[in-house]
């Protein structure tokens, strides 16, 4: 039986990039999409500070529901819920993958100054904490500098991916002195081609790396390796 991977979405704009990555990198899996866009709406209303306990509780309940669908693994596609994802991973007996952990590890492996282009402000603090934690556990030395591209995500939510991509790419030269640039969100991966045309440094995206990480965890577990 194909492994069932539940994709937890907190915004519709993250859905297409991960669906594409699943189809390309793990076509034998059975992806199940669960969306609660109220999570990202209310997370944005909380501002750029720490995620609230009530929001963590809501997210974990969402993840538990995902698990009840017969999940062999849960892949979260929104990057603004780091502490909630960590708690979910503690309470469930299956692999739970953060959206950016594989991309972060790839960037840190390069070392030096890493840039990040983000479009959702509340995600920056938890992602920075996650990045710093990976650096602390790595033999490499790396630092993170983030540029938040205002208004880009609004255009994407309105169906205007072209303007979203252009706005993201226009900010990329601010990070052209970095050793690598990460596109912070699954939704931002749409702009990868435009960003690569704007800068000469490597540009990393999250969806395919996340699928590869989830596949390794699930297949390793099935094979008695995890």
Protein backbone atom coordinates (compact mmCIF):
# COMPACT_ATOMS: atom_id res chain seq x y z
CA UNK A 1 0.00 0.00 0.00
CA UNK A 2 1.26 3.46 -0.88
CA UNK A 3 2.40 5.54 2.08
CA UNK A 4 -0.18 8.19 2.96
CA UNK A 5 1.38 11.62 3.55
CA UNK A 6 -0.87 14.25 5.06
CA UNK A 7 0.02 17.77 3.94
CA UNK A 8 -1.03 20.38 6.49
CA UNK A 9 -1.70 23.73 4.83
CA UNK A 10 -2.37 27.02 6.60
CA UNK A 11 -2.71 28.95 3.34
CA UNK A 12 -3.94 27.90 -0.11
CA UNK A 13 -0.91 29.44 -1.85
CA UNK A 14 1.37 26.73 -0.39
CA UNK A 15 -0.60 23.86 -1.90
CA UNK A 16 0.45 23.81 -5.56
CA UNK A 17 4.25 23.88 -4.98
CA UNK A 18 4.22 20.89 -2.62
CA UNK A 19 1.78 18.95 -4.82
CA UNK A 20 4.18 19.42 -7.71
CA UNK A 21 7.13 18.34 -5.59
CA UNK A 22 5.29 15.23 -4.37
CA UNK A 23 4.37 14.25 -7.93
CA UNK A 24 7.94 14.73 -9.17
CA UNK A 25 9.97 13.35 -6.25
CA UNK A 26 7.64 10.75 -4.71
CA UNK A 27 4.95 9.73 -7.21
CA UNK A 28 4.23 6.46 -5.39
CA UNK A 29 3.04 8.23 -2.24
CA UNK A 30 -0.59 9.14 -1.55
CA UNK A 31 -0.76 12.84 -0.61
CA UNK A 32 -3.77 14.05 1.40
CA UNK A 33 -4.35 17.81 1.56
CA UNK A 34 -5.80 19.41 4.68
CA UNK A 35 -6.30 23.20 4.68
CA UNK A 36 -7.15 25.53 7.56
CA UNK A 37 -6.45 29.01 6.24
CA UNK A 38 -7.85 30.50 9.43
CA UNK A 39 -4.54 29.55 11.03
CA UNK A 40 -2.49 31.89 8.83
CA UNK A 41 -5.10 34.66 9.06
CA UNK A 42 -5.08 34.58 12.85
CA UNK A 43 -1.32 34.07 13.03
CA UNK A 44 -0.90 37.27 10.98
CA UNK A 45 -3.17 39.12 13.43
CA UNK A 46 -0.87 38.08 16.26
CA UNK A 47 1.91 40.06 14.57
CA UNK A 48 5.60 39.21 14.44
CA UNK A 49 5.96 38.15 18.08
CA UNK A 50 6.00 34.62 19.49
CA UNK A 51 3.17 32.29 18.56
CA UNK A 52 0.47 32.23 21.24
CA UNK A 53 -0.39 29.15 23.32
CA UNK A 54 -3.91 29.12 21.89
CA UNK A 55 -2.53 29.11 18.35
CA UNK A 56 -0.20 26.23 19.24
CA UNK A 57 -3.16 24.32 20.66
CA UNK A 58 -5.19 24.89 17.49
CA UNK A 59 -2.34 23.76 15.27
CA UNK A 60 -1.66 20.59 17.27
CA UNK A 61 -5.38 19.74 17.12
CA UNK A 62 -5.21 20.21 13.35
CA UNK A 63 -2.23 17.88 13.19
CA UNK A 64 -3.92 15.26 15.34
CA UNK A 65 -6.83 15.29 12.92
CA UNK A 66 -4.36 14.79 10.09
CA UNK A 67 -2.93 11.78 11.90
CA UNK A 68 -6.44 10.33 12.33
CA UNK A 69 -6.67 10.14 8.53
CA UNK A 70 -4.28 7.20 8.57
CA UNK A 71 -1.14 9.24 7.99
CA UNK A 72 2.25 7.57 7.65
CA UNK A 73 3.85 11.01 7.83
CA UNK A 74 2.83 14.64 8.16
CA UNK A 75 4.48 17.39 6.14
CA UNK A 76 3.68 20.96 7.20
CA UNK A 77 3.74 23.53 4.41
CA UNK A 78 3.55 26.79 6.38
CA UNK A 79 6.66 28.17 8.06
CA UNK A 80 5.07 30.37 10.74
CA UNK A 81 4.28 27.60 13.26
CA UNK A 82 7.68 26.26 14.33
CA UNK A 83 7.01 25.65 18.05
CA UNK A 84 3.62 24.10 17.26
CA UNK A 85 5.20 21.74 14.70
CA UNK A 86 7.81 20.69 17.26
CA UNK A 87 5.10 19.89 19.80
CA UNK A 88 3.11 17.96 17.20
CA UNK A 89 6.21 15.90 16.41
CA UNK A 90 6.52 15.04 20.10
CA UNK A 91 2.94 13.83 20.51
CA UNK A 92 2.57 11.80 17.29
CA UNK A 93 4.26 8.43 16.61
CA UNK A 94 4.94 9.21 12.93
CA UNK A 95 7.45 11.51 11.19
CA UNK A 96 6.46 15.19 11.22
CA UNK A 97 8.52 17.39 8.91
CA UNK A 98 8.89 21.15 9.12
CA UNK A 99 8.67 22.89 5.76
CA UNK A 100 12.19 24.30 5.71
CA UNK A 101 14.45 22.02 7.73
CA UNK A 102 16.00 20.27 4.71
CA UNK A 103 16.55 23.57 2.88
CA UNK A 104 18.15 25.07 6.00
CA UNK A 105 20.56 22.17 6.30
CA UNK A 106 21.54 22.55 2.64
CA UNK A 107 22.17 26.27 3.10
CA UNK A 108 24.15 25.81 6.31
CA UNK A 109 26.28 23.14 4.64
CA UNK A 110 27.53 25.90 2.34
CA UNK A 111 28.49 28.02 5.35
CA UNK A 112 29.04 31.77 5.39
CA UNK A 113 26.29 34.37 4.98
CA UNK A 114 22.89 33.01 4.01
CA UNK A 115 20.15 35.31 2.76
CA UNK A 116 16.43 34.65 2.98
CA UNK A 117 13.59 36.23 1.01
CA UNK A 118 10.32 36.03 2.97
CA UNK A 119 6.83 37.30 2.22
CA UNK A 120 5.06 36.55 5.53
CA UNK A 121 6.47 38.59 8.40
CA UNK A 122 5.24 36.43 11.33
CA UNK A 123 7.25 33.50 9.98
CA UNK A 124 10.63 35.25 10.19
CA UNK A 125 11.23 34.95 13.96
CA UNK A 126 10.47 31.19 14.24
CA UNK A 127 12.41 30.49 11.06
CA UNK A 128 15.40 32.44 12.34
CA UNK A 129 15.29 30.49 15.60
CA UNK A 130 15.12 27.24 13.65
CA UNK A 131 18.03 28.27 11.43
CA UNK A 132 20.15 29.23 14.44
CA UNK A 133 19.37 25.89 16.10
CA UNK A 134 20.56 24.04 13.01
CA UNK A 135 23.75 26.10 12.97
CA UNK A 136 24.36 25.30 16.65
CA UNK A 137 24.17 21.60 15.87
CA UNK A 138 26.35 21.88 12.78
CA UNK A 139 30.08 21.91 12.26
CA UNK A 140 29.63 24.85 9.88
CA UNK A 141 29.49 28.54 10.71
CA UNK A 142 26.61 30.38 9.07
CA UNK A 143 24.58 33.52 9.67
CA UNK A 144 21.18 34.54 8.33
CA UNK A 145 20.03 37.86 6.88
CA UNK A 146 16.37 38.19 5.91
CA UNK A 147 14.53 40.57 3.61
CA UNK A 148 10.73 40.65 3.89
CA UNK A 149 9.10 41.44 0.56
CA UNK A 150 6.07 43.52 1.45
CA UNK A 151 2.84 43.08 -0.49
CA UNK A 152 4.04 40.12 -2.59
CA UNK A 153 1.89 37.54 -0.84
CA UNK A 154 -1.21 39.72 -1.23
CA UNK A 155 -0.80 39.59 -5.00
CA UNK A 156 -0.29 35.83 -4.91
CA UNK A 157 -3.43 35.33 -2.86
CA UNK A 158 -5.29 37.34 -5.48
CA UNK A 159 -4.03 35.01 -8.18
CA UNK A 160 -1.34 37.32 -9.56
CA UNK A 161 1.74 35.10 -9.40
CA UNK A 162 3.57 37.20 -11.99
CA UNK A 163 3.56 40.31 -9.78
CA UNK A 164 4.47 38.21 -6.74
CA UNK A 165 7.47 36.77 -8.55
CA UNK A 166 8.57 40.17 -9.85
CA UNK A 167 8.41 41.79 -6.40
CA UNK A 168 10.42 38.97 -4.84
CA UNK A 169 13.04 39.09 -7.59
CA UNK A 170 13.35 42.87 -7.30
CA UNK A 171 14.47 42.47 -3.67
CA UNK A 172 16.92 39.66 -4.37
CA UNK A 173 19.89 41.94 -5.21
CA UNK A 174 19.84 43.16 -1.60
CA UNK A 175 21.19 39.69 -0.75
CA UNK A 176 23.53 39.31 -3.72
CA UNK A 177 26.58 39.39 -1.44
CA UNK A 178 25.40 36.23 0.37
CA UNK A 179 26.77 32.75 -0.27
CA UNK A 180 23.25 31.43 -0.94
CA UNK A 181 19.70 32.76 -0.93
CA UNK A 182 16.76 30.78 0.43
CA UNK A 183 13.16 31.38 -0.65
CA UNK A 184 11.47 31.20 2.72
CA UNK A 185 8.07 29.69 1.96
CA UNK A 186 6.66 26.97 -0.25
CA UNK A 187 4.62 29.69 -1.95
CA UNK A 188 7.77 31.74 -2.64
CA UNK A 189 9.32 28.88 -4.62
CA UNK A 190 7.27 30.07 -7.60
CA UNK A 191 9.69 32.99 -7.88
CA UNK A 192 12.82 30.82 -8.08
CA UNK A 193 13.41 31.32 -11.79
CA UNK A 194 12.96 35.10 -11.56
CA UNK A 195 15.27 35.32 -8.54
CA UNK A 196 17.94 33.24 -10.26
CA UNK A 197 17.85 35.68 -13.16
CA UNK A 198 18.37 38.59 -10.74
CA UNK A 199 21.38 37.23 -8.81
CA UNK A 200 24.36 34.99 -9.50
CA UNK A 201 24.46 33.18 -6.14
CA UNK A 202 22.75 29.80 -5.54
CA UNK A 203 19.00 30.04 -4.84
CA UNK A 204 17.48 27.31 -2.66
CA UNK A 205 13.80 26.35 -2.42
CA UNK A 206 12.00 24.19 0.12
CA UNK A 207 9.30 21.92 -1.38
CA UNK A 208 11.39 19.26 -3.15
CA UNK A 209 13.89 19.07 -0.29
CA UNK A 210 11.03 18.61 2.19
CA UNK A 211 9.53 15.78 0.15
CA UNK A 212 12.91 14.05 -0.04
CA UNK A 213 13.28 14.37 3.74
CA UNK A 214 9.82 12.95 4.39
CA UNK A 215 10.40 10.06 1.98
CA UNK A 216 13.68 9.16 3.68
CA UNK A 217 12.03 9.19 7.10
CA UNK A 218 8.99 7.14 6.11
CA UNK A 219 10.87 4.59 4.02
CA UNK A 220 13.60 4.32 6.62
CA UNK A 221 10.98 3.67 9.30
CA UNK A 222 9.28 1.08 7.10
CA UNK A 223 12.63 -0.59 6.60
CA UNK A 224 13.35 -0.67 10.32
CA UNK A 225 15.98 2.08 10.10
CA UNK A 226 14.15 4.79 11.99
